[in-house]
């Protein structure tokens, strides 16, 4: 089993080197940055979709939905929850991206 691990480590090292990475750490950083940027793009699109649909910011839409009394607006309430999730996820991934960028300066 040890020889298999040695072969695997050699394959990983050679593969990363041929991919232009000096080390596993560098490859991990680059892949992490790519994942973060992909997630940010996804949640930016999600937020933009709701902003376009309702013609207002998340905060304005949240105030509008929360101010409605005595009536159920299921679609708007569901959209509010989805939009809030997207806003929170966007902020989280932007924070993670900042950490990744600052960690390797």
PDB file of N, CA and C in Angstrom:
ATOM      1  N   UNK A   1       0.823  -1.202   0.000  1.00  0.00           N
ATOM      2  CA  UNK A   1       0.000   0.000   0.000  1.00  0.00           C
ATOM      3  C   UNK A   1       0.859   1.256   0.000  1.00  0.00           C
ATOM      4  N   UNK A   2       2.003   1.215   0.654  1.00  0.00           N
ATOM      5  CA  UNK A   2       2.871   2.375   0.706  1.00  0.00           C
ATOM      6  C   UNK A   2       3.376   2.753  -0.680  1.00  0.00           C
ATOM      7  N   UNK A   3       3.706   1.743  -1.501  1.00  0.00           N
ATOM      8  CA  UNK A   3       4.179   2.050  -2.852  1.00  0.00           C
ATOM      9  C   UNK A   3       3.086   2.715  -3.679  1.00  0.00           C
ATOM     10  N   UNK A   4       1.806   2.341  -3.443  1.00  0.00           N
ATOM     11  CA  UNK A   4       0.698   2.978  -4.139  1.00  0.00           C
ATOM     12  C   UNK A   4       0.619   4.447  -3.742  1.00  0.00           C
ATOM     13  N   UNK A   5       0.771   4.744  -2.452  1.00  0.00           N
ATOM     14  CA  UNK A   5       0.749   6.135  -2.003  1.00  0.00           C
ATOM     15  C   UNK A   5       1.899   6.926  -2.602  1.00  0.00           C
ATOM     16  N   UNK A   6       3.078   6.322  -2.666  1.00  0.00           N
ATOM     17  CA  UNK A   6       4.231   6.985  -3.258  1.00  0.00           C
ATOM     18  C   UNK A   6       3.952   7.269  -4.724  1.00  0.00           C
ATOM     19  N   UNK A   7       3.411   6.291  -5.433  1.00  0.00           N
ATOM     20  CA  UNK A   7       3.081   6.498  -6.847  1.00  0.00           C
ATOM     21  C   UNK A   7       2.039   7.598  -7.004  1.00  0.00           C
ATOM     22  N   UNK A   8       1.038   7.604  -6.146  1.00  0.00           N
ATOM     23  CA  UNK A   8      -0.010   8.624  -6.202  1.00  0.00           C
ATOM     24  C   UNK A   8       0.595  10.001  -5.944  1.00  0.00           C
ATOM     25  N   UNK A   9       1.437  10.103  -4.930  1.00  0.00           N
ATOM     26  CA  UNK A   9       2.073  11.391  -4.640  1.00  0.00           C
ATOM     27  C   UNK A   9       2.927  11.862  -5.806  1.00  0.00           C
ATOM     28  N   UNK A  10       3.641  10.944  -6.433  1.00  0.00           N
ATOM     29  CA  UNK A  10       4.454  11.311  -7.595  1.00  0.00           C
ATOM     30  C   UNK A  10       3.576  11.777  -8.755  1.00  0.00           C
ATOM     31  N   UNK A  11       2.482  11.070  -8.969  1.00  0.00           N
ATOM     32  CA  UNK A  11       1.561  11.447 -10.048  1.00  0.00           C
ATOM     33  C   UNK A  11       0.979  12.828  -9.772  1.00  0.00           C
ATOM     34  N   UNK A  12       0.569  13.070  -8.538  1.00  0.00           N
ATOM     35  CA  UNK A  12       0.014  14.385  -8.180  1.00  0.00           C
ATOM     36  C   UNK A  12       1.056  15.470  -8.397  1.00  0.00           C
ATOM     37  N   UNK A  13       2.268  15.252  -7.912  1.00  0.00           N
ATOM     38  CA  UNK A  13       3.337  16.241  -8.062  1.00  0.00           C
ATOM     39  C   UNK A  13       3.614  16.545  -9.521  1.00  0.00           C
ATOM     40  N   UNK A  14       3.746  15.503 -10.335  1.00  0.00           N
ATOM     41  CA  UNK A  14       4.024  15.698 -11.757  1.00  0.00           C
ATOM     42  C   UNK A  14       2.848  16.361 -12.471  1.00  0.00           C
ATOM     43  N   UNK A  15       1.645  15.951 -12.137  1.00  0.00           N
ATOM     44  CA  UNK A  15       0.459  16.521 -12.770  1.00  0.00           C
ATOM     45  C   UNK A  15       0.354  18.009 -12.458  1.00  0.00           C
ATOM     46  N   UNK A  16       0.547  18.358 -11.203  1.00  0.00           N
ATOM     47  CA  UNK A  16       0.475  19.767 -10.821  1.00  0.00           C
ATOM     48  C   UNK A  16       1.589  20.583 -11.485  1.00  0.00           C
ATOM     49  N   UNK A  17       2.778  20.015 -11.530  1.00  0.00           N
ATOM     50  CA  UNK A  17       3.897  20.710 -12.177  1.00  0.00           C
ATOM     51  C   UNK A  17       3.594  20.960 -13.648  1.00  0.00           C
ATOM     52  N   UNK A  18       3.041  19.963 -14.313  1.00  0.00           N
ATOM     53  CA  UNK A  18       2.703  20.127 -15.724  1.00  0.00           C
ATOM     54  C   UNK A  18       1.540  21.089 -15.927  1.00  0.00           C
ATOM     55  N   UNK A  19       0.754  21.263 -14.889  1.00  0.00           N
ATOM     56  CA  UNK A  19      -0.333  22.233 -14.948  1.00  0.00           C
ATOM     57  C   UNK A  19       0.110  23.643 -14.598  1.00  0.00           C
ATOM     58  N   UNK A  20       1.393  23.791 -14.276  1.00  0.00           N
ATOM     59  CA  UNK A  20       1.924  25.121 -13.985  1.00  0.00           C
ATOM     60  C   UNK A  20       1.943  25.479 -12.515  1.00  0.00           C
ATOM     61  N   UNK A  21       1.647  24.536 -11.654  1.00  0.00           N
ATOM     62  CA  UNK A  21       1.645  24.796 -10.214  1.00  0.00           C
ATOM     63  C   UNK A  21       2.956  24.349  -9.595  1.00  0.00           C
ATOM     64  N   UNK A  22       3.515  25.197  -8.749  1.00  0.00           N
ATOM     65  CA  UNK A  22       4.787  24.884  -8.107  1.00  0.00           C
ATOM     66  C   UNK A  22       4.620  23.919  -6.934  1.00  0.00           C
ATOM     67  N   UNK A  23       3.404  23.875  -6.368  1.00  0.00           N
ATOM     68  CA  UNK A  23       3.192  23.034  -5.186  1.00  0.00           C
ATOM     69  C   UNK A  23       1.706  22.704  -5.039  1.00  0.00           C
ATOM     70  N   UNK A  24       1.435  21.746  -4.160  1.00  0.00           N
ATOM     71  CA  UNK A  24       0.033  21.422  -3.856  1.00  0.00           C
ATOM     72  C   UNK A  24      -0.652  22.617  -3.199  1.00  0.00           C
ATOM     73  N   UNK A  25       0.091  23.347  -2.383  1.00  0.00           N
ATOM     74  CA  UNK A  25      -0.467  24.521  -1.703  1.00  0.00           C
ATOM     75  C   UNK A  25      -0.914  25.568  -2.727  1.00  0.00           C
ATOM     76  N   UNK A  26      -0.083  25.803  -3.735  1.00  0.00           N
ATOM     77  CA  UNK A  26      -0.438  26.765  -4.774  1.00  0.00           C
ATOM     78  C   UNK A  26      -1.668  26.296  -5.549  1.00  0.00           C
ATOM     79  N   UNK A  27      -1.722  25.014  -5.869  1.00  0.00           N
ATOM     80  CA  UNK A  27      -2.876  24.463  -6.587  1.00  0.00           C
ATOM     81  C   UNK A  27      -4.136  24.577  -5.744  1.00  0.00           C
ATOM     82  N   UNK A  28      -4.003  24.283  -4.468  1.00  0.00           N
ATOM     83  CA  UNK A  28      -5.154  24.384  -3.562  1.00  0.00           C
ATOM     84  C   UNK A  28      -5.666  25.812  -3.499  1.00  0.00           C
ATOM     85  N   UNK A  29      -4.759  26.766  -3.438  1.00  0.00           N
ATOM     86  CA  UNK A  29      -5.152  28.174  -3.397  1.00  0.00           C
ATOM     87  C   UNK A  29      -5.886  28.555  -4.668  1.00  0.00           C
ATOM     88  N   UNK A  30      -5.335  28.185  -5.808  1.00  0.00           N
ATOM     89  CA  UNK A  30      -5.946  28.542  -7.087  1.00  0.00           C
ATOM     90  C   UNK A  30      -7.327  27.910  -7.252  1.00  0.00           C
ATOM     91  N   UNK A  31      -7.443  26.653  -6.876  1.00  0.00           N
ATOM     92  CA  UNK A  31      -8.746  25.982  -6.967  1.00  0.00           C
ATOM     93  C   UNK A  31      -9.740  26.634  -6.006  1.00  0.00           C
ATOM     94  N   UNK A  32      -9.280  26.969  -4.814  1.00  0.00           N
ATOM     95  CA  UNK A  32     -10.152  27.633  -3.834  1.00  0.00           C
ATOM     96  C   UNK A  32     -10.624  28.986  -4.349  1.00  0.00           C
ATOM     97  N   UNK A  33      -9.720  29.735  -4.956  1.00  0.00           N
ATOM     98  CA  UNK A  33     -10.098  31.024  -5.547  1.00  0.00           C
ATOM     99  C   UNK A  33     -11.134  30.830  -6.658  1.00  0.00           C
ATOM    100  N   UNK A  34     -10.924  29.825  -7.482  1.00  0.00           N
ATOM    101  CA  UNK A  34     -11.858  29.547  -8.567  1.00  0.00           C
ATOM    102  C   UNK A  34     -13.249  29.185  -8.023  1.00  0.00           C
ATOM    103  N   UNK A  35     -13.281  28.362  -7.001  1.00  0.00           N
ATOM    104  CA  UNK A  35     -14.566  27.986  -6.398  1.00  0.00           C
ATOM    105  C   UNK A  35     -15.258  29.230  -5.835  1.00  0.00           C
ATOM    106  N   UNK A  36     -14.512  30.050  -5.105  1.00  0.00           N
ATOM    107  CA  UNK A  36     -15.097  31.255  -4.514  1.00  0.00           C
ATOM    108  C   UNK A  36     -15.630  32.195  -5.591  1.00  0.00           C
ATOM    109  N   UNK A  37     -14.862  32.410  -6.639  1.00  0.00           N
ATOM    110  CA  UNK A  37     -15.304  33.299  -7.716  1.00  0.00           C
ATOM    111  C   UNK A  37     -16.537  32.754  -8.430  1.00  0.00           C
ATOM    112  N   UNK A  38     -16.590  31.444  -8.597  1.00  0.00           N
ATOM    113  CA  UNK A  38     -17.758  30.816  -9.224  1.00  0.00           C
ATOM    114  C   UNK A  38     -19.004  31.006  -8.358  1.00  0.00           C
ATOM    115  N   UNK A  39     -18.848  30.795  -7.055  1.00  0.00           N
ATOM    116  CA  UNK A  39     -19.993  30.973  -6.138  1.00  0.00           C
ATOM    117  C   UNK A  39     -20.443  32.427  -6.125  1.00  0.00           C
ATOM    118  N   UNK A  40     -19.492  33.355  -6.099  1.00  0.00           N
ATOM    119  CA  UNK A  40     -19.842  34.781  -6.103  1.00  0.00           C
ATOM    120  C   UNK A  40     -20.630  35.124  -7.360  1.00  0.00           C
ATOM    121  N   UNK A  41     -20.166  34.650  -8.490  1.00  0.00           N
ATOM    122  CA  UNK A  41     -20.857  34.909  -9.748  1.00  0.00           C
ATOM    123  C   UNK A  41     -22.286  34.362  -9.716  1.00  0.00           C
ATOM    124  N   UNK A  42     -22.431  33.164  -9.191  1.00  0.00           N
ATOM    125  CA  UNK A  42     -23.756  32.537  -9.109  1.00  0.00           C
ATOM    126  C   UNK A  42     -24.713  33.373  -8.257  1.00  0.00           C
ATOM    127  N   UNK A  43     -24.251  33.792  -7.074  1.00  0.00           N
ATOM    128  CA  UNK A  43     -25.136  34.530  -6.176  1.00  0.00           C
ATOM    129  C   UNK A  43     -25.356  35.969  -6.647  1.00  0.00           C
ATOM    130  N   UNK A  44     -24.396  36.549  -7.353  1.00  0.00           N
ATOM    131  CA  UNK A  44     -24.617  37.873  -7.953  1.00  0.00           C
ATOM    132  C   UNK A  44     -25.724  37.790  -8.998  1.00  0.00           C
ATOM    133  N   UNK A  45     -25.694  36.744  -9.816  1.00  0.00           N
ATOM    134  CA  UNK A  45     -26.755  36.568 -10.823  1.00  0.00           C
ATOM    135  C   UNK A  45     -28.115  36.370 -10.161  1.00  0.00           C
ATOM    136  N   UNK A  46     -28.136  35.581  -9.097  1.00  0.00           N
ATOM    137  CA  UNK A  46     -29.394  35.326  -8.379  1.00  0.00           C
ATOM    138  C   UNK A  46     -29.958  36.633  -7.814  1.00  0.00           C
ATOM    139  N   UNK A  47     -29.113  37.431  -7.180  1.00  0.00           N
ATOM    140  CA  UNK A  47     -29.558  38.711  -6.617  1.00  0.00           C
ATOM    141  C   UNK A  47     -30.023  39.654  -7.724  1.00  0.00           C
ATOM    142  N   UNK A  48     -29.286  39.695  -8.825  1.00  0.00           N
ATOM    143  CA  UNK A  48     -29.654  40.566  -9.952  1.00  0.00           C
ATOM    144  C   UNK A  48     -31.007  40.174 -10.539  1.00  0.00           C
ATOM    145  N   UNK A  49     -31.280  38.877 -10.561  1.00  0.00           N
ATOM    146  CA  UNK A  49     -32.570  38.392 -11.091  1.00  0.00           C
ATOM    147  C   UNK A  49     -33.726  38.960 -10.264  1.00  0.00           C
ATOM    148  N   UNK A  50     -33.589  38.913  -8.948  1.00  0.00           N
ATOM    149  CA  UNK A  50     -34.656  39.437  -8.090  1.00  0.00           C
ATOM    150  C   UNK A  50     -34.737  40.955  -8.175  1.00  0.00           C
ATOM    151  N   UNK A  51     -33.591  41.626  -8.242  1.00  0.00           N
ATOM    152  CA  UNK A  51     -33.584  43.089  -8.344  1.00  0.00           C
ATOM    153  C   UNK A  51     -34.294  43.524  -9.621  1.00  0.00           C
ATOM    154  N   UNK A  52     -34.039  42.801 -10.702  1.00  0.00           N
ATOM    155  CA  UNK A  52     -34.692  43.127 -11.975  1.00  0.00           C
ATOM    156  C   UNK A  52     -36.193  42.821 -11.886  1.00  0.00           C
ATOM    157  N   UNK A  53     -36.545  41.687 -11.300  1.00  0.00           N
ATOM    158  CA  UNK A  53     -37.950  41.269 -11.209  1.00  0.00           C
ATOM    159  C   UNK A  53     -38.777  42.293 -10.433  1.00  0.00           C
ATOM    160  N   UNK A  54     -38.221  42.804  -9.329  1.00  0.00           N
ATOM    161  CA  UNK A  54     -38.994  43.697  -8.466  1.00  0.00           C
ATOM    162  C   UNK A  54     -38.624  45.165  -8.618  1.00  0.00           C
ATOM    163  N   UNK A  55     -37.575  45.475  -9.373  1.00  0.00           N
ATOM    164  CA  UNK A  55     -37.212  46.864  -9.638  1.00  0.00           C
ATOM    165  C   UNK A  55     -36.793  47.642  -8.415  1.00  0.00           C
ATOM    166  N   UNK A  56     -36.212  46.941  -7.442  1.00  0.00           N
ATOM    167  CA  UNK A  56     -35.764  47.613  -6.218  1.00  0.00           C
ATOM    168  C   UNK A  56     -34.696  46.786  -5.526  1.00  0.00           C
ATOM    169  N   UNK A  57     -34.064  47.394  -4.551  1.00  0.00           N
ATOM    170  CA  UNK A  57     -33.010  46.691  -3.816  1.00  0.00           C
ATOM    171  C   UNK A  57     -33.626  45.654  -2.882  1.00  0.00           C
ATOM    172  N   UNK A  58     -32.773  44.787  -2.375  1.00  0.00           N
ATOM    173  CA  UNK A  58     -33.241  43.778  -1.424  1.00  0.00           C
ATOM    174  C   UNK A  58     -33.867  44.440  -0.199  1.00  0.00           C
ATOM    175  N   UNK A  59     -33.211  45.467   0.336  1.00  0.00           N
ATOM    176  CA  UNK A  59     -33.715  46.127   1.549  1.00  0.00           C
ATOM    177  C   UNK A  59     -35.081  46.763   1.313  1.00  0.00           C
ATOM    178  N   UNK A  60     -35.247  47.393   0.146  1.00  0.00           N
ATOM    179  CA  UNK A  60     -36.541  47.996  -0.181  1.00  0.00           C
ATOM    180  C   UNK A  60     -37.621  46.920  -0.305  1.00  0.00           C
ATOM    181  N   UNK A  61     -37.293  45.843  -0.980  1.00  0.00           N
ATOM    182  CA  UNK A  61     -38.248  44.754  -1.155  1.00  0.00           C
ATOM    183  C   UNK A  61     -38.589  44.113   0.185  1.00  0.00           C
ATOM    184  N   UNK A  62     -37.604  43.936   1.029  1.00  0.00           N
ATOM    185  CA  UNK A  62     -37.819  43.355   2.361  1.00  0.00           C
ATOM    186  C   UNK A  62     -38.785  44.229   3.179  1.00  0.00           C
ATOM    187  N   UNK A  63     -38.556  45.545   3.151  1.00  0.00           N
ATOM    188  CA  UNK A  63     -39.461  46.458   3.875  1.00  0.00           C
ATOM    189  C   UNK A  63     -40.882  46.356   3.329  1.00  0.00           C
ATOM    190  N   UNK A  64     -40.991  46.290   2.000  1.00  0.00           N
ATOM    191  CA  UNK A  64     -42.311  46.211   1.365  1.00  0.00           C
ATOM    192  C   UNK A  64     -43.044  44.941   1.790  1.00  0.00           C
ATOM    193  N   UNK A  65     -42.378  43.803   1.695  1.00  0.00           N
ATOM    194  CA  UNK A  65     -43.024  42.529   2.040  1.00  0.00           C
ATOM    195  C   UNK A  65     -43.364  42.485   3.528  1.00  0.00           C
ATOM    196  N   UNK A  66     -42.462  42.957   4.363  1.00  0.00           N
ATOM    197  CA  UNK A  66     -42.696  42.916   5.810  1.00  0.00           C
ATOM    198  C   UNK A  66     -43.739  43.916   6.281  1.00  0.00           C
ATOM    199  N   UNK A  67     -44.045  44.922   5.458  1.00  0.00           N
ATOM    200  CA  UNK A  67     -45.039  45.921   5.854  1.00  0.00           C
ATOM    201  C   UNK A  67     -46.464  45.486   5.525  1.00  0.00           C
ATOM    202  N   UNK A  68     -46.618  44.459   4.722  1.00  0.00           N
ATOM    203  CA  UNK A  68     -47.950  43.984   4.350  1.00  0.00           C
ATOM    204  C   UNK A  68     -48.580  43.291   5.558  1.00  0.00           C
ATOM    205  N   UNK A  69     -49.777  43.760   5.911  1.00  0.00           N
ATOM    206  CA  UNK A  69     -50.486  43.195   7.057  1.00  0.00           C
ATOM    207  C   UNK A  69     -51.837  42.667   6.585  1.00  0.00           C
ATOM    208  N   UNK A  70     -52.188  41.475   7.028  1.00  0.00           N
ATOM    209  CA  UNK A  70     -53.498  40.922   6.750  1.00  0.00           C
ATOM    210  C   UNK A  70     -53.658  40.251   5.401  1.00  0.00           C
ATOM    211  N   UNK A  71     -52.606  40.189   4.610  1.00  0.00           N
ATOM    212  CA  UNK A  71     -52.707  39.535   3.305  1.00  0.00           C
ATOM    213  C   UNK A  71     -51.497  38.629   3.116  1.00  0.00           C
ATOM    214  N   UNK A  72     -51.724  37.530   2.459  1.00  0.00           N
ATOM    215  CA  UNK A  72     -50.633  36.582   2.178  1.00  0.00           C
ATOM    216  C   UNK A  72     -50.178  36.781   0.734  1.00  0.00           C
ATOM    217  N   UNK A  73     -48.903  37.026   0.582  1.00  0.00           N
ATOM    218  CA  UNK A  73     -48.312  37.147  -0.755  1.00  0.00           C
ATOM    219  C   UNK A  73     -47.242  36.066  -0.847  1.00  0.00           C
ATOM    220  N   UNK A  74     -47.695  34.850  -1.134  1.00  0.00           N
ATOM    221  CA  UNK A  74     -46.803  33.692  -1.073  1.00  0.00           C
ATOM    222  C   UNK A  74     -45.601  33.815  -2.012  1.00  0.00           C
ATOM    223  N   UNK A  75     -45.842  34.239  -3.251  1.00  0.00           N
ATOM    224  CA  UNK A  75     -44.728  34.338  -4.200  1.00  0.00           C
ATOM    225  C   UNK A  75     -43.698  35.346  -3.713  1.00  0.00           C
ATOM    226  N   UNK A  76     -44.153  36.505  -3.264  1.00  0.00           N
ATOM    227  CA  UNK A  76     -43.221  37.523  -2.779  1.00  0.00           C
ATOM    228  C   UNK A  76     -42.508  37.063  -1.518  1.00  0.00           C
ATOM    229  N   UNK A  77     -43.211  36.393  -0.622  1.00  0.00           N
ATOM    230  CA  UNK A  77     -42.574  35.900   0.597  1.00  0.00           C
ATOM    231  C   UNK A  77     -41.520  34.838   0.274  1.00  0.00           C
ATOM    232  N   UNK A  78     -41.840  33.950  -0.654  1.00  0.00           N
ATOM    233  CA  UNK A  78     -40.864  32.934  -1.068  1.00  0.00           C
ATOM    234  C   UNK A  78     -39.658  33.578  -1.751  1.00  0.00           C
ATOM    235  N   UNK A  79     -39.937  34.560  -2.614  1.00  0.00           N
ATOM    236  CA  UNK A  79     -38.843  35.262  -3.274  1.00  0.00           C
ATOM    237  C   UNK A  79     -37.976  36.005  -2.262  1.00  0.00           C
ATOM    238  N   UNK A  80     -38.612  36.582  -1.258  1.00  0.00           N
ATOM    239  CA  UNK A  80     -37.857  37.277  -0.219  1.00  0.00           C
ATOM    240  C   UNK A  80     -36.897  36.313   0.488  1.00  0.00           C
ATOM    241  N   UNK A  81     -37.381  35.134   0.839  1.00  0.00           N
ATOM    242  CA  UNK A  81     -36.514  34.147   1.498  1.00  0.00           C
ATOM    243  C   UNK A  81     -35.376  33.706   0.582  1.00  0.00           C
ATOM    244  N   UNK A  82     -35.698  33.467  -0.689  1.00  0.00           N
ATOM    245  CA  UNK A  82     -34.658  33.057  -1.645  1.00  0.00           C
ATOM    246  C   UNK A  82     -33.644  34.177  -1.870  1.00  0.00           C
ATOM    247  N   UNK A  83     -34.136  35.398  -1.973  1.00  0.00           N
ATOM    248  CA  UNK A  83     -33.261  36.538  -2.199  1.00  0.00           C
ATOM    249  C   UNK A  83     -32.367  36.770  -0.977  1.00  0.00           C
ATOM    250  N   UNK A  84     -32.949  36.642   0.195  1.00  0.00           N
ATOM    251  CA  UNK A  84     -32.160  36.810   1.421  1.00  0.00           C
ATOM    252  C   UNK A  84     -31.058  35.746   1.501  1.00  0.00           C
ATOM    253  N   UNK A  85     -31.390  34.515   1.152  1.00  0.00           N
ATOM    254  CA  UNK A  85     -30.378  33.454   1.133  1.00  0.00           C
ATOM    255  C   UNK A  85     -29.253  33.816   0.162  1.00  0.00           C
ATOM    256  N   UNK A  86     -29.622  34.280  -1.032  1.00  0.00           N
ATOM    257  CA  UNK A  86     -28.627  34.648  -2.039  1.00  0.00           C
ATOM    258  C   UNK A  86     -27.755  35.810  -1.560  1.00  0.00           C
ATOM    259  N   UNK A  87     -28.355  36.803  -0.927  1.00  0.00           N
ATOM    260  CA  UNK A  87     -27.595  37.943  -0.390  1.00  0.00           C
ATOM    261  C   UNK A  87     -26.615  37.477   0.686  1.00  0.00           C
ATOM    262  N   UNK A  88     -27.087  36.630   1.592  1.00  0.00           N
ATOM    263  CA  UNK A  88     -26.228  36.119   2.670  1.00  0.00           C
ATOM    264  C   UNK A  88     -25.097  35.259   2.112  1.00  0.00           C
ATOM    265  N   UNK A  89     -25.422  34.403   1.153  1.00  0.00           N
ATOM    266  CA  UNK A  89     -24.410  33.537   0.548  1.00  0.00           C
ATOM    267  C   UNK A  89     -23.383  34.373  -0.213  1.00  0.00           C
ATOM    268  N   UNK A  90     -23.833  35.397  -0.909  1.00  0.00           N
ATOM    269  CA  UNK A  90     -22.924  36.286  -1.630  1.00  0.00           C
ATOM    270  C   UNK A  90     -21.944  36.949  -0.661  1.00  0.00           C
ATOM    271  N   UNK A  91     -22.465  37.462   0.439  1.00  0.00           N
ATOM    272  CA  UNK A  91     -21.598  38.106   1.436  1.00  0.00           C
ATOM    273  C   UNK A  91     -20.596  37.108   2.018  1.00  0.00           C
ATOM    274  N   UNK A  92     -21.041  35.897   2.289  1.00  0.00           N
ATOM    275  CA  UNK A  92     -20.154  34.863   2.830  1.00  0.00           C
ATOM    276  C   UNK A  92     -19.026  34.546   1.865  1.00  0.00           C
ATOM    277  N   UNK A  93     -19.353  34.331   0.580  1.00  0.00           N
ATOM    278  CA  UNK A  93     -18.330  33.984  -0.404  1.00  0.00           C
ATOM    279  C   UNK A  93     -17.405  35.156  -0.703  1.00  0.00           C
ATOM    280  N   UNK A  94     -17.917  36.382  -0.640  1.00  0.00           N
ATOM    281  CA  UNK A  94     -17.043  37.543  -0.809  1.00  0.00           C
ATOM    282  C   UNK A  94     -16.047  37.637   0.348  1.00  0.00           C
ATOM    283  N   UNK A  95     -16.512  37.333   1.548  1.00  0.00           N
ATOM    284  CA  UNK A  95     -15.628  37.333   2.721  1.00  0.00           C
ATOM    285  C   UNK A  95     -14.567  36.232   2.577  1.00  0.00           C
ATOM    286  N   UNK A  96     -14.982  35.055   2.162  1.00  0.00           N
ATOM    287  CA  UNK A  96     -14.035  33.955   1.961  1.00  0.00           C
ATOM    288  C   UNK A  96     -12.998  34.314   0.898  1.00  0.00           C
ATOM    289  N   UNK A  97     -13.443  34.956  -0.184  1.00  0.00           N
ATOM    290  CA  UNK A  97     -12.516  35.372  -1.226  1.00  0.00           C
ATOM    291  C   UNK A  97     -11.488  36.345  -0.661  1.00  0.00           C
ATOM    292  N   UNK A  98     -11.942  37.275   0.157  1.00  0.00           N
ATOM    293  CA  UNK A  98     -11.017  38.221   0.781  1.00  0.00           C
ATOM    294  C   UNK A  98      -9.984  37.525   1.639  1.00  0.00           C
ATOM    295  N   UNK A  99     -10.419  36.534   2.401  1.00  0.00           N
ATOM    296  CA  UNK A  99      -9.495  35.772   3.240  1.00  0.00           C
ATOM    297  C   UNK A  99      -8.476  35.051   2.370  1.00  0.00           C
ATOM    298  N   UNK A 100      -8.940  34.412   1.305  1.00  0.00           N
ATOM    299  CA  UNK A 100      -8.030  33.690   0.408  1.00  0.00           C
ATOM    300  C   UNK A 100      -7.016  34.622  -0.237  1.00  0.00           C
ATOM    301  N   UNK A 101      -7.476  35.781  -0.689  1.00  0.00           N
ATOM    302  CA  UNK A 101      -6.574  36.735  -1.334  1.00  0.00           C
ATOM    303  C   UNK A 101      -5.540  37.278  -0.350  1.00  0.00           C
ATOM    304  N   UNK A 102      -5.964  37.585   0.864  1.00  0.00           N
ATOM    305  CA  UNK A 102      -5.071  38.174   1.857  1.00  0.00           C
ATOM    306  C   UNK A 102      -4.116  37.151   2.463  1.00  0.00           C
ATOM    307  N   UNK A 103      -4.494  35.890   2.462  1.00  0.00           N
ATOM    308  CA  UNK A 103      -3.678  34.851   3.097  1.00  0.00           C
ATOM    309  C   UNK A 103      -2.389  34.591   2.341  1.00  0.00           C
ATOM    310  N   UNK A 104      -2.334  34.931   1.080  1.00  0.00           N
ATOM    311  CA  UNK A 104      -1.178  34.586   0.261  1.00  0.00           C
ATOM    312  C   UNK A 104      -0.429  35.806  -0.243  1.00  0.00           C
ATOM    313  N   UNK A 105      -0.567  36.917   0.437  1.00  0.00           N
ATOM    314  CA  UNK A 105       0.161  38.128   0.029  1.00  0.00           C
ATOM    315  C   UNK A 105       1.544  38.121   0.588  1.00  0.00           C
TER     316      UNK A 105
END
